[in-house]
Structures are given as C-alpha cells and as structure tokens.
PDB file of N, CA and C in Angstrom:
ATOM      1  N   UNK A   1     122.567 107.598 117.025  1.00  0.00           N
ATOM      2  CA  UNK A   1     122.501 107.675 115.581  1.00  0.00           C
ATOM      3  C   UNK A   1     123.778 107.106 114.944  1.00  0.00           C
ATOM      4  N   UNK A   2     124.887 107.293 115.629  1.00  0.00           N
ATOM      5  CA  UNK A   2     126.151 106.773 115.111  1.00  0.00           C
ATOM      6  C   UNK A   2     126.154 105.252 115.082  1.00  0.00           C
ATOM      7  N   UNK A   3     125.501 104.632 116.076  1.00  0.00           N
ATOM      8  CA  UNK A   3     125.407 103.168 116.108  1.00  0.00           C
ATOM      9  C   UNK A   3     124.615 102.640 114.922  1.00  0.00           C
ATOM     10  N   UNK A   4     123.555 103.361 114.561  1.00  0.00           N
ATOM     11  CA  UNK A   4     122.727 102.935 113.426  1.00  0.00           C
ATOM     12  C   UNK A   4     123.534 103.008 112.134  1.00  0.00           C
ATOM     13  N   UNK A   5     124.266 104.093 111.944  1.00  0.00           N
ATOM     14  CA  UNK A   5     125.075 104.235 110.732  1.00  0.00           C
ATOM     15  C   UNK A   5     126.134 103.139 110.644  1.00  0.00           C
ATOM     16  N   UNK A   6     126.770 102.860 111.757  1.00  0.00           N
ATOM     17  CA  UNK A   6     127.821 101.844 111.775  1.00  0.00           C
ATOM     18  C   UNK A   6     127.263 100.451 111.496  1.00  0.00           C
ATOM     19  N   UNK A   7     126.129 100.135 112.125  1.00  0.00           N
ATOM     20  CA  UNK A   7     125.569  98.796 111.933  1.00  0.00           C
ATOM     21  C   UNK A   7     124.970  98.617 110.546  1.00  0.00           C
ATOM     22  N   UNK A   8     124.406  99.672 109.968  1.00  0.00           N
ATOM     23  CA  UNK A   8     123.855  99.566 108.616  1.00  0.00           C
ATOM     24  C   UNK A   8     124.972  99.448 107.583  1.00  0.00           C
ATOM     25  N   UNK A   9     126.069 100.149 107.803  1.00  0.00           N
ATOM     26  CA  UNK A   9     127.197 100.056 106.872  1.00  0.00           C
ATOM     27  C   UNK A   9     127.805  98.657 106.871  1.00  0.00           C
ATOM     28  N   UNK A  10     127.783  97.991 108.016  1.00  0.00           N
ATOM     29  CA  UNK A  10     128.353  96.656 108.111  1.00  0.00           C
ATOM     30  C   UNK A  10     127.452  95.582 107.515  1.00  0.00           C
ATOM     31  N   UNK A  11     126.180  95.885 107.345  1.00  0.00           N
ATOM     32  CA  UNK A  11     125.222  94.901 106.858  1.00  0.00           C
ATOM     33  C   UNK A  11     124.970  95.125 105.370  1.00  0.00           C
ATOM     34  N   UNK A  12     125.353  94.161 104.553  1.00  0.00           N
ATOM     35  CA  UNK A  12     125.263  94.346 103.107  1.00  0.00           C
ATOM     36  C   UNK A  12     123.848  94.118 102.566  1.00  0.00           C
ATOM     37  N   UNK A  13     123.053  93.270 103.205  1.00  0.00           N
ATOM     38  CA  UNK A  13     121.715  92.989 102.703  1.00  0.00           C
ATOM     39  C   UNK A  13     120.821  94.224 102.756  1.00  0.00           C
ATOM     40  N   UNK A  14     120.884  94.975 103.828  1.00  0.00           N
ATOM     41  CA  UNK A  14     120.065  96.178 103.918  1.00  0.00           C
ATOM     42  C   UNK A  14     120.504  97.228 102.900  1.00  0.00           C
ATOM     43  N   UNK A  15     121.789  97.294 102.645  1.00  0.00           N
ATOM     44  CA  UNK A  15     122.276  98.239 101.631  1.00  0.00           C
ATOM     45  C   UNK A  15     121.801  97.825 100.246  1.00  0.00           C
ATOM     46  N   UNK A  16     121.867  96.534  99.936  1.00  0.00           N
ATOM     47  CA  UNK A  16     121.401  96.047  98.634  1.00  0.00           C
ATOM     48  C   UNK A  16     119.903  96.274  98.448  1.00  0.00           C
ATOM     49  N   UNK A  17     119.120  96.016  99.486  1.00  0.00           N
ATOM     50  CA  UNK A  17     117.681  96.225  99.381  1.00  0.00           C
ATOM     51  C   UNK A  17     117.343  97.704  99.204  1.00  0.00           C
ATOM     52  N   UNK A  18     118.050  98.569  99.921  1.00  0.00           N
ATOM     53  CA  UNK A  18     117.817 100.004  99.781  1.00  0.00           C
ATOM     54  C   UNK A  18     118.194 100.487  98.389  1.00  0.00           C
ATOM     55  N   UNK A  19     119.328 100.049  97.891  1.00  0.00           N
ATOM     56  CA  UNK A  19     119.758 100.454  96.542  1.00  0.00           C
ATOM     57  C   UNK A  19     118.794  99.911  95.490  1.00  0.00           C
ATOM     58  N   UNK A  20     118.318  98.692  95.667  1.00  0.00           N
ATOM     59  CA  UNK A  20     117.352  98.121  94.718  1.00  0.00           C
ATOM     60  C   UNK A  20     116.057  98.907  94.708  1.00  0.00           C
ATOM     61  N   UNK A  21     115.582  99.324  95.875  1.00  0.00           N
ATOM     62  CA  UNK A  21     114.341 100.111  95.903  1.00  0.00           C
ATOM     63  C   UNK A  21     114.529 101.472  95.266  1.00  0.00           C
ATOM     64  N   UNK A  22     115.673 102.098  95.458  1.00  0.00           N
ATOM     65  CA  UNK A  22     115.926 103.409  94.844  1.00  0.00           C
ATOM     66  C   UNK A  22     116.066 103.269  93.331  1.00  0.00           C
ATOM     67  N   UNK A  23     116.775 102.245  92.867  1.00  0.00           N
ATOM     68  CA  UNK A  23     116.939 102.032  91.421  1.00  0.00           C
ATOM     69  C   UNK A  23     115.588 101.752  90.773  1.00  0.00           C
ATOM     70  N   UNK A  24     114.784 100.894  91.391  1.00  0.00           N
ATOM     71  CA  UNK A  24     113.457 100.607  90.842  1.00  0.00           C
ATOM     72  C   UNK A  24     112.570 101.846  90.856  1.00  0.00           C
ATOM     73  N   UNK A  25     112.713 102.686  91.883  1.00  0.00           N
ATOM     74  CA  UNK A  25     111.933 103.927  91.904  1.00  0.00           C
ATOM     75  C   UNK A  25     112.304 104.817  90.727  1.00  0.00           C
ATOM     76  N   UNK A  26     113.596 104.958  90.441  1.00  0.00           N
ATOM     77  CA  UNK A  26     113.994 105.807  89.328  1.00  0.00           C
ATOM     78  C   UNK A  26     113.605 105.206  87.979  1.00  0.00           C
ATOM     79  N   UNK A  27     113.590 103.885  87.872  1.00  0.00           N
ATOM     80  CA  UNK A  27     113.085 103.243  86.651  1.00  0.00           C
ATOM     81  C   UNK A  27     111.599 103.540  86.493  1.00  0.00           C
ATOM     82  N   UNK A  28     110.849 103.410  87.586  1.00  0.00           N
ATOM     83  CA  UNK A  28     109.422 103.731  87.545  1.00  0.00           C
ATOM     84  C   UNK A  28     109.187 105.190  87.197  1.00  0.00           C
ATOM     85  N   UNK A  29     109.979 106.063  87.782  1.00  0.00           N
ATOM     86  CA  UNK A  29     109.816 107.492  87.518  1.00  0.00           C
ATOM     87  C   UNK A  29     110.137 107.831  86.075  1.00  0.00           C
ATOM     88  N   UNK A  30     111.173 107.223  85.516  1.00  0.00           N
ATOM     89  CA  UNK A  30     111.512 107.516  84.123  1.00  0.00           C
ATOM     90  C   UNK A  30     110.452 106.979  83.169  1.00  0.00           C
ATOM     91  N   UNK A  31     109.899 105.807  83.446  1.00  0.00           N
ATOM     92  CA  UNK A  31     108.803 105.283  82.611  1.00  0.00           C
ATOM     93  C   UNK A  31     107.591 106.197  82.724  1.00  0.00           C
ATOM     94  N   UNK A  32     107.304 106.636  83.931  1.00  0.00           N
ATOM     95  CA  UNK A  32     106.148 107.504  84.146  1.00  0.00           C
ATOM     96  C   UNK A  32     106.298 108.816  83.376  1.00  0.00           C
ATOM     97  N   UNK A  33     107.451 109.444  83.485  1.00  0.00           N
ATOM     98  CA  UNK A  33     107.642 110.743  82.827  1.00  0.00           C
ATOM     99  C   UNK A  33     107.743 110.623  81.312  1.00  0.00           C
ATOM    100  N   UNK A  34     108.326 109.540  80.834  1.00  0.00           N
ATOM    101  CA  UNK A  34     108.545 109.423  79.398  1.00  0.00           C
ATOM    102  C   UNK A  34     107.308 108.944  78.651  1.00  0.00           C
ATOM    103  N   UNK A  35     106.577 107.986  79.213  1.00  0.00           N
ATOM    104  CA  UNK A  35     105.505 107.356  78.461  1.00  0.00           C
ATOM    105  C   UNK A  35     104.101 107.635  78.994  1.00  0.00           C
ATOM    106  N   UNK A  36     103.958 107.810  80.286  1.00  0.00           N
ATOM    107  CA  UNK A  36     102.617 107.853  80.853  1.00  0.00           C
ATOM    108  C   UNK A  36     102.147 109.233  81.285  1.00  0.00           C
ATOM    109  N   UNK A  37     102.885 110.267  80.997  1.00  0.00           N
ATOM    110  CA  UNK A  37     102.452 111.601  81.410  1.00  0.00           C
ATOM    111  C   UNK A  37     101.765 112.366  80.290  1.00  0.00           C
ATOM    112  N   UNK A  38     101.363 111.686  79.252  1.00  0.00           N
ATOM    113  CA  UNK A  38     100.661 112.342  78.150  1.00  0.00           C
ATOM    114  C   UNK A  38      99.208 112.580  78.536  1.00  0.00           C
ATOM    115  N   UNK A  39      98.603 113.644  78.020  1.00  0.00           N
ATOM    116  CA  UNK A  39      97.218 113.938  78.401  1.00  0.00           C
ATOM    117  C   UNK A  39      96.194 112.965  77.819  1.00  0.00           C
ATOM    118  N   UNK A  40      96.543 112.207  76.779  1.00  0.00           N
ATOM    119  CA  UNK A  40      95.571 111.276  76.202  1.00  0.00           C
ATOM    120  C   UNK A  40      95.471 109.953  76.968  1.00  0.00           C
ATOM    121  N   UNK A  41      96.342 109.752  77.957  1.00  0.00           N
ATOM    122  CA  UNK A  41      96.304 108.539  78.768  1.00  0.00           C
ATOM    123  C   UNK A  41      95.614 108.878  80.091  1.00  0.00           C
ATOM    124  N   UNK A  42      94.553 108.170  80.367  1.00  0.00           N
ATOM    125  CA  UNK A  42      93.843 108.367  81.629  1.00  0.00           C
ATOM    126  C   UNK A  42      94.178 107.226  82.572  1.00  0.00           C
ATOM    127  N   UNK A  43      94.663 107.590  83.738  1.00  0.00           N
ATOM    128  CA  UNK A  43      94.999 106.605  84.751  1.00  0.00           C
ATOM    129  C   UNK A  43      94.085 106.834  85.945  1.00  0.00           C
ATOM    130  N   UNK A  44      93.308 105.832  86.253  1.00  0.00           N
ATOM    131  CA  UNK A  44      92.350 105.931  87.352  1.00  0.00           C
ATOM    132  C   UNK A  44      93.078 105.794  88.677  1.00  0.00           C
ATOM    133  N   UNK A  45      92.851 106.759  89.531  1.00  0.00           N
ATOM    134  CA  UNK A  45      93.385 106.666  90.878  1.00  0.00           C
ATOM    135  C   UNK A  45      92.335 107.180  91.851  1.00  0.00           C
ATOM    136  N   UNK A  46      92.121 106.431  92.888  1.00  0.00           N
ATOM    137  CA  UNK A  46      91.065 106.749  93.841  1.00  0.00           C
ATOM    138  C   UNK A  46      91.453 107.835  94.823  1.00  0.00           C
ATOM    139  N   UNK A  47      92.677 107.853  95.263  1.00  0.00           N
ATOM    140  CA  UNK A  47      93.060 108.758  96.340  1.00  0.00           C
ATOM    141  C   UNK A  47      93.670 110.060  95.844  1.00  0.00           C
ATOM    142  N   UNK A  48      93.816 110.210  94.550  1.00  0.00           N
ATOM    143  CA  UNK A  48      94.355 111.453  94.009  1.00  0.00           C
ATOM    144  C   UNK A  48      95.870 111.504  93.978  1.00  0.00           C
ATOM    145  N   UNK A  49      96.516 110.426  94.309  1.00  0.00           N
ATOM    146  CA  UNK A  49      97.978 110.365  94.273  1.00  0.00           C
ATOM    147  C   UNK A  49      98.362 109.337  93.221  1.00  0.00           C
ATOM    148  N   UNK A  50      99.205 109.729  92.304  1.00  0.00           N
ATOM    149  CA  UNK A  50      99.650 108.791  91.285  1.00  0.00           C
ATOM    150  C   UNK A  50     100.550 107.729  91.918  1.00  0.00           C
ATOM    151  N   UNK A  51     100.645 106.572  91.297  1.00  0.00           N
ATOM    152  CA  UNK A  51     101.396 105.459  91.907  1.00  0.00           C
ATOM    153  C   UNK A  51     102.860 105.783  92.180  1.00  0.00           C
ATOM    154  N   UNK A  52     103.480 106.616  91.366  1.00  0.00           N
ATOM    155  CA  UNK A  52     104.898 106.923  91.589  1.00  0.00           C
ATOM    156  C   UNK A  52     105.064 107.783  92.845  1.00  0.00           C
ATOM    157  N   UNK A  53     104.145 108.714  93.055  1.00  0.00           N
ATOM    158  CA  UNK A  53     104.221 109.534  94.266  1.00  0.00           C
ATOM    159  C   UNK A  53     103.939 108.702  95.506  1.00  0.00           C
ATOM    160  N   UNK A  54     102.976 107.809  95.419  1.00  0.00           N
ATOM    161  CA  UNK A  54     102.687 106.923  96.555  1.00  0.00           C
ATOM    162  C   UNK A  54     103.877 106.013  96.841  1.00  0.00           C
ATOM    163  N   UNK A  55     104.550 105.563  95.785  1.00  0.00           N
ATOM    164  CA  UNK A  55     105.740 104.730  95.957  1.00  0.00           C
ATOM    165  C   UNK A  55     106.842 105.499  96.672  1.00  0.00           C
ATOM    166  N   UNK A  56     107.043 106.756  96.307  1.00  0.00           N
ATOM    167  CA  UNK A  56     108.063 107.565  96.968  1.00  0.00           C
ATOM    168  C   UNK A  56     107.746 107.736  98.448  1.00  0.00           C
ATOM    169  N   UNK A  57     106.489 107.986  98.762  1.00  0.00           N
ATOM    170  CA  UNK A  57     106.103 108.127 100.168  1.00  0.00           C
ATOM    171  C   UNK A  57     106.346 106.829 100.924  1.00  0.00           C
ATOM    172  N   UNK A  58     105.987 105.700 100.309  1.00  0.00           N
ATOM    173  CA  UNK A  58     106.181 104.410 100.983  1.00  0.00           C
ATOM    174  C   UNK A  58     107.651 104.069 101.160  1.00  0.00           C
ATOM    175  N   UNK A  59     108.475 104.404 100.177  1.00  0.00           N
ATOM    176  CA  UNK A  59     109.913 104.129 100.307  1.00  0.00           C
ATOM    177  C   UNK A  59     110.512 104.967 101.430  1.00  0.00           C
ATOM    178  N   UNK A  60     110.111 106.230 101.520  1.00  0.00           N
ATOM    179  CA  UNK A  60     110.642 107.092 102.582  1.00  0.00           C
ATOM    180  C   UNK A  60     110.211 106.583 103.955  1.00  0.00           C
ATOM    181  N   UNK A  61     108.939 106.242 104.092  1.00  0.00           N
ATOM    182  CA  UNK A  61     108.442 105.759 105.386  1.00  0.00           C
ATOM    183  C   UNK A  61     109.078 104.415 105.748  1.00  0.00           C
ATOM    184  N   UNK A  62     109.118 103.483 104.803  1.00  0.00           N
ATOM    185  CA  UNK A  62     109.693 102.164 105.098  1.00  0.00           C
ATOM    186  C   UNK A  62     111.176 102.251 105.417  1.00  0.00           C
ATOM    187  N   UNK A  63     111.912 103.104 104.709  1.00  0.00           N
ATOM    188  CA  UNK A  63     113.343 103.237 104.977  1.00  0.00           C
ATOM    189  C   UNK A  63     113.593 103.860 106.345  1.00  0.00           C
ATOM    190  N   UNK A  64     112.819 104.888 106.692  1.00  0.00           N
ATOM    191  CA  UNK A  64     113.023 105.500 108.004  1.00  0.00           C
ATOM    192  C   UNK A  64     112.636 104.539 109.126  1.00  0.00           C
ATOM    193  N   UNK A  65     111.545 103.798 108.952  1.00  0.00           N
ATOM    194  CA  UNK A  65     111.175 102.809 109.967  1.00  0.00           C
ATOM    195  C   UNK A  65     112.200 101.685 110.071  1.00  0.00           C
ATOM    196  N   UNK A  66     112.759 101.284 108.934  1.00  0.00           N
ATOM    197  CA  UNK A  66     113.754 100.209 108.985  1.00  0.00           C
ATOM    198  C   UNK A  66     115.049 100.678 109.644  1.00  0.00           C
ATOM    199  N   UNK A  67     115.397 101.954 109.474  1.00  0.00           N
ATOM    200  CA  UNK A  67     116.590 102.459 110.159  1.00  0.00           C
ATOM    201  C   UNK A  67     116.405 102.463 111.671  1.00  0.00           C
ATOM    202  N   UNK A  68     115.224 102.852 112.115  1.00  0.00           N
ATOM    203  CA  UNK A  68     114.995 102.884 113.560  1.00  0.00           C
ATOM    204  C   UNK A  68     114.808 101.489 114.150  1.00  0.00           C
ATOM    205  N   UNK A  69     114.315 100.555 113.360  1.00  0.00           N
ATOM    206  CA  UNK A  69     114.121  99.201 113.892  1.00  0.00           C
ATOM    207  C   UNK A  69     115.346  98.311 113.698  1.00  0.00           C
ATOM    208  N   UNK A  70     116.336  98.801 112.984  1.00  0.00           N
ATOM    209  CA  UNK A  70     117.509  97.979 112.693  1.00  0.00           C
ATOM    210  C   UNK A  70     118.287  97.626 113.953  1.00  0.00           C
ATOM    211  N   UNK A  71     118.309  98.538 114.891  1.00  0.00           N
ATOM    212  CA  UNK A  71     119.088  98.314 116.102  1.00  0.00           C
ATOM    213  C   UNK A  71     118.497  97.187 116.954  1.00  0.00           C
ATOM    214  N   UNK A  72     117.167  97.092 116.993  1.00  0.00           N
ATOM    215  CA  UNK A  72     116.525  96.075 117.837  1.00  0.00           C
ATOM    216  C   UNK A  72     116.281  94.775 117.085  1.00  0.00           C
ATOM    217  N   UNK A  73     115.671  94.866 115.929  1.00  0.00           N
ATOM    218  CA  UNK A  73     115.312  93.670 115.160  1.00  0.00           C
ATOM    219  C   UNK A  73     115.739  93.853 113.704  1.00  0.00           C
ATOM    220  N   UNK A  74     116.739  93.125 113.289  1.00  0.00           N
ATOM    221  CA  UNK A  74     117.203  93.216 111.904  1.00  0.00           C
ATOM    222  C   UNK A  74     116.191  92.629 110.938  1.00  0.00           C
ATOM    223  N   UNK A  75     115.446  91.629 111.379  1.00  0.00           N
ATOM    224  CA  UNK A  75     114.482  90.982 110.488  1.00  0.00           C
ATOM    225  C   UNK A  75     113.348  91.928 110.104  1.00  0.00           C
ATOM    226  N   UNK A  76     112.928  92.754 111.047  1.00  0.00           N
ATOM    227  CA  UNK A  76     111.890  93.754 110.744  1.00  0.00           C
ATOM    228  C   UNK A  76     112.425  94.760 109.734  1.00  0.00           C
ATOM    229  N   UNK A  77     113.663  95.128 109.887  1.00  0.00           N
ATOM    230  CA  UNK A  77     114.284  96.045 108.941  1.00  0.00           C
ATOM    231  C   UNK A  77     114.350  95.433 107.548  1.00  0.00           C
ATOM    232  N   UNK A  78     114.720  94.163 107.471  1.00  0.00           N
ATOM    233  CA  UNK A  78     114.751  93.471 106.182  1.00  0.00           C
ATOM    234  C   UNK A  78     113.362  93.384 105.568  1.00  0.00           C
ATOM    235  N   UNK A  79     112.377  93.131 106.402  1.00  0.00           N
ATOM    236  CA  UNK A  79     111.000  93.035 105.924  1.00  0.00           C
ATOM    237  C   UNK A  79     110.514  94.370 105.349  1.00  0.00           C
ATOM    238  N   UNK A  80     110.820  95.459 106.023  1.00  0.00           N
ATOM    239  CA  UNK A  80     110.396  96.772 105.536  1.00  0.00           C
ATOM    240  C   UNK A  80     111.100  97.139 104.233  1.00  0.00           C
ATOM    241  N   UNK A  81     112.398  96.871 104.161  1.00  0.00           N
ATOM    242  CA  UNK A  81     113.133  97.201 102.940  1.00  0.00           C
ATOM    243  C   UNK A  81     112.727  96.297 101.779  1.00  0.00           C
ATOM    244  N   UNK A  82     112.493  95.021 102.048  1.00  0.00           N
ATOM    245  CA  UNK A  82     112.039  94.145 100.967  1.00  0.00           C
ATOM    246  C   UNK A  82     110.615  94.488 100.563  1.00  0.00           C
ATOM    247  N   UNK A  83     109.812  95.013 101.493  1.00  0.00           N
ATOM    248  CA  UNK A  83     108.480  95.505 101.138  1.00  0.00           C
ATOM    249  C   UNK A  83     108.556  96.683 100.184  1.00  0.00           C
ATOM    250  N   UNK A  84     109.535  97.550 100.371  1.00  0.00           N
ATOM    251  CA  UNK A  84     109.731  98.677  99.441  1.00  0.00           C
ATOM    252  C   UNK A  84     110.091  98.172  98.048  1.00  0.00           C
ATOM    253  N   UNK A  85     110.950  97.167  97.985  1.00  0.00           N
ATOM    254  CA  UNK A  85     111.328  96.603  96.685  1.00  0.00           C
ATOM    255  C   UNK A  85     110.120  95.945  96.029  1.00  0.00           C
ATOM    256  N   UNK A  86     109.329  95.218  96.803  1.00  0.00           N
ATOM    257  CA  UNK A  86     108.144  94.553  96.270  1.00  0.00           C
ATOM    258  C   UNK A  86     107.125  95.559  95.741  1.00  0.00           C
ATOM    259  N   UNK A  87     106.901  96.637  96.480  1.00  0.00           N
ATOM    260  CA  UNK A  87     105.957  97.662  96.027  1.00  0.00           C
ATOM    261  C   UNK A  87     106.477  98.344  94.772  1.00  0.00           C
ATOM    262  N   UNK A  88     107.780  98.575  94.681  1.00  0.00           N
ATOM    263  CA  UNK A  88     108.352  99.184  93.479  1.00  0.00           C
ATOM    264  C   UNK A  88     108.170  98.269  92.273  1.00  0.00           C
ATOM    265  N   UNK A  89     108.304  96.968  92.480  1.00  0.00           N
ATOM    266  CA  UNK A  89     108.082  96.015  91.382  1.00  0.00           C
ATOM    267  C   UNK A  89     106.612  96.013  90.969  1.00  0.00           C
ATOM    268  N   UNK A  90     105.708  96.099  91.940  1.00  0.00           N
ATOM    269  CA  UNK A  90     104.283  96.172  91.612  1.00  0.00           C
ATOM    270  C   UNK A  90     103.937  97.426  90.811  1.00  0.00           C
ATOM    271  N   UNK A  91     104.529  98.550  91.176  1.00  0.00           N
ATOM    272  CA  UNK A  91     104.296  99.787  90.413  1.00  0.00           C
ATOM    273  C   UNK A  91     104.865  99.651  89.006  1.00  0.00           C
ATOM    274  N   UNK A  92     106.003  98.977  88.878  1.00  0.00           N
ATOM    275  CA  UNK A  92     106.572  98.746  87.557  1.00  0.00           C
ATOM    276  C   UNK A  92     105.634  97.897  86.703  1.00  0.00           C
ATOM    277  N   UNK A  93     105.067  96.842  87.281  1.00  0.00           N
ATOM    278  CA  UNK A  93     104.092  96.017  86.546  1.00  0.00           C
ATOM    279  C   UNK A  93     102.846  96.819  86.189  1.00  0.00           C
ATOM    280  N   UNK A  94     102.407  97.689  87.073  1.00  0.00           N
ATOM    281  CA  UNK A  94     101.255  98.537  86.795  1.00  0.00           C
ATOM    282  C   UNK A  94     101.532  99.466  85.620  1.00  0.00           C
ATOM    283  N   UNK A  95     102.720 100.046  85.595  1.00  0.00           N
ATOM    284  CA  UNK A  95     103.069 100.927  84.485  1.00  0.00           C
ATOM    285  C   UNK A  95     103.179 100.160  83.173  1.00  0.00           C
ATOM    286  N   UNK A  96     103.743  98.964  83.233  1.00  0.00           N
ATOM    287  CA  UNK A  96     103.815  98.156  82.024  1.00  0.00           C
ATOM    288  C   UNK A  96     102.421  97.757  81.539  1.00  0.00           C
ATOM    289  N   UNK A  97     101.506  97.513  82.461  1.00  0.00           N
ATOM    290  CA  UNK A  97     100.121  97.218  82.098  1.00  0.00           C
ATOM    291  C   UNK A  97      99.490  98.412  81.384  1.00  0.00           C
ATOM    292  N   UNK A  98      99.720  99.611  81.908  1.00  0.00           N
ATOM    293  CA  UNK A  98      99.188 100.799  81.249  1.00  0.00           C
ATOM    294  C   UNK A  98      99.816 101.015  79.874  1.00  0.00           C
ATOM    295  N   UNK A  99     101.100 100.692  79.749  1.00  0.00           N
ATOM    296  CA  UNK A  99     101.759 100.858  78.450  1.00  0.00           C
ATOM    297  C   UNK A  99     101.237  99.854  77.424  1.00  0.00           C
ATOM    298  N   UNK A 100     100.970  98.642  77.868  1.00  0.00           N
ATOM    299  CA  UNK A 100     100.469  97.624  76.940  1.00  0.00           C
ATOM    300  C   UNK A 100      99.064  97.961  76.469  1.00  0.00           C
ATOM    301  N   UNK A 101      98.239  98.484  77.356  1.00  0.00           N
ATOM    302  CA  UNK A 101      96.852  98.791  77.024  1.00  0.00           C
ATOM    303  C   UNK A 101      96.647 100.221  76.550  1.00  0.00           C
ATOM    304  N   UNK A 102      97.663 100.875  76.149  1.00  0.00           N
ATOM    305  CA  UNK A 102      97.596 102.269  75.714  1.00  0.00           C
ATOM    306  C   UNK A 102      96.906 102.432  74.405  1.00  0.00           C
TER     307      UNK A 102
END
C-alpha cells in the first residue's frame, strides 16, 4: 500500500484527474441540491438512483480500481480516472438540460 501512495503522489496526471472528478462531482451536487430537488421537477430514472448518486458510486469504484491498477498499468489508471471526469461532465450536461427545460 505504501508503494501505491508513493507512486500516486509522484504522478501529477492522476492527481489532476482525481481532483477534477471530485470538483465536478461537487459542482453537480450543488446544482442538484439548489435547483433540481424541488418537488415540481420530475426527473425520469429507470433504476431508482438519481444521476448524482450514480456518479458518486462510479467515482468511488473507478478511483479504487485505478489505485489498484496503478502499480501494474498506469494507462489503465488514467483511463479509469478520465472516465470518472467524463461521466461527471455528462451528468453536468444532463443537469443543465433539465434546468433549461424546467
């Protein structure tokens, strides 16, 4: 575990991607709580999980998988972390779509 911490601290790209996914998550969460949690707005969801909660689950899973894969393959780690950023951007666009069509 110490090797993972040391190698992740030395790599700036993984830190930037992780920070970007966390910042985008909090932006999504603040938009969700401030504008989209009103009872007059209906958001269709098939699985019963709102997009912000699904995003949190995906960020946690992708970050943990990227930490374990960082030691063997850095590219897989980058792919997982950039996938978290991409999904956070998609949720942001989804929320903006709901705000525009409100």
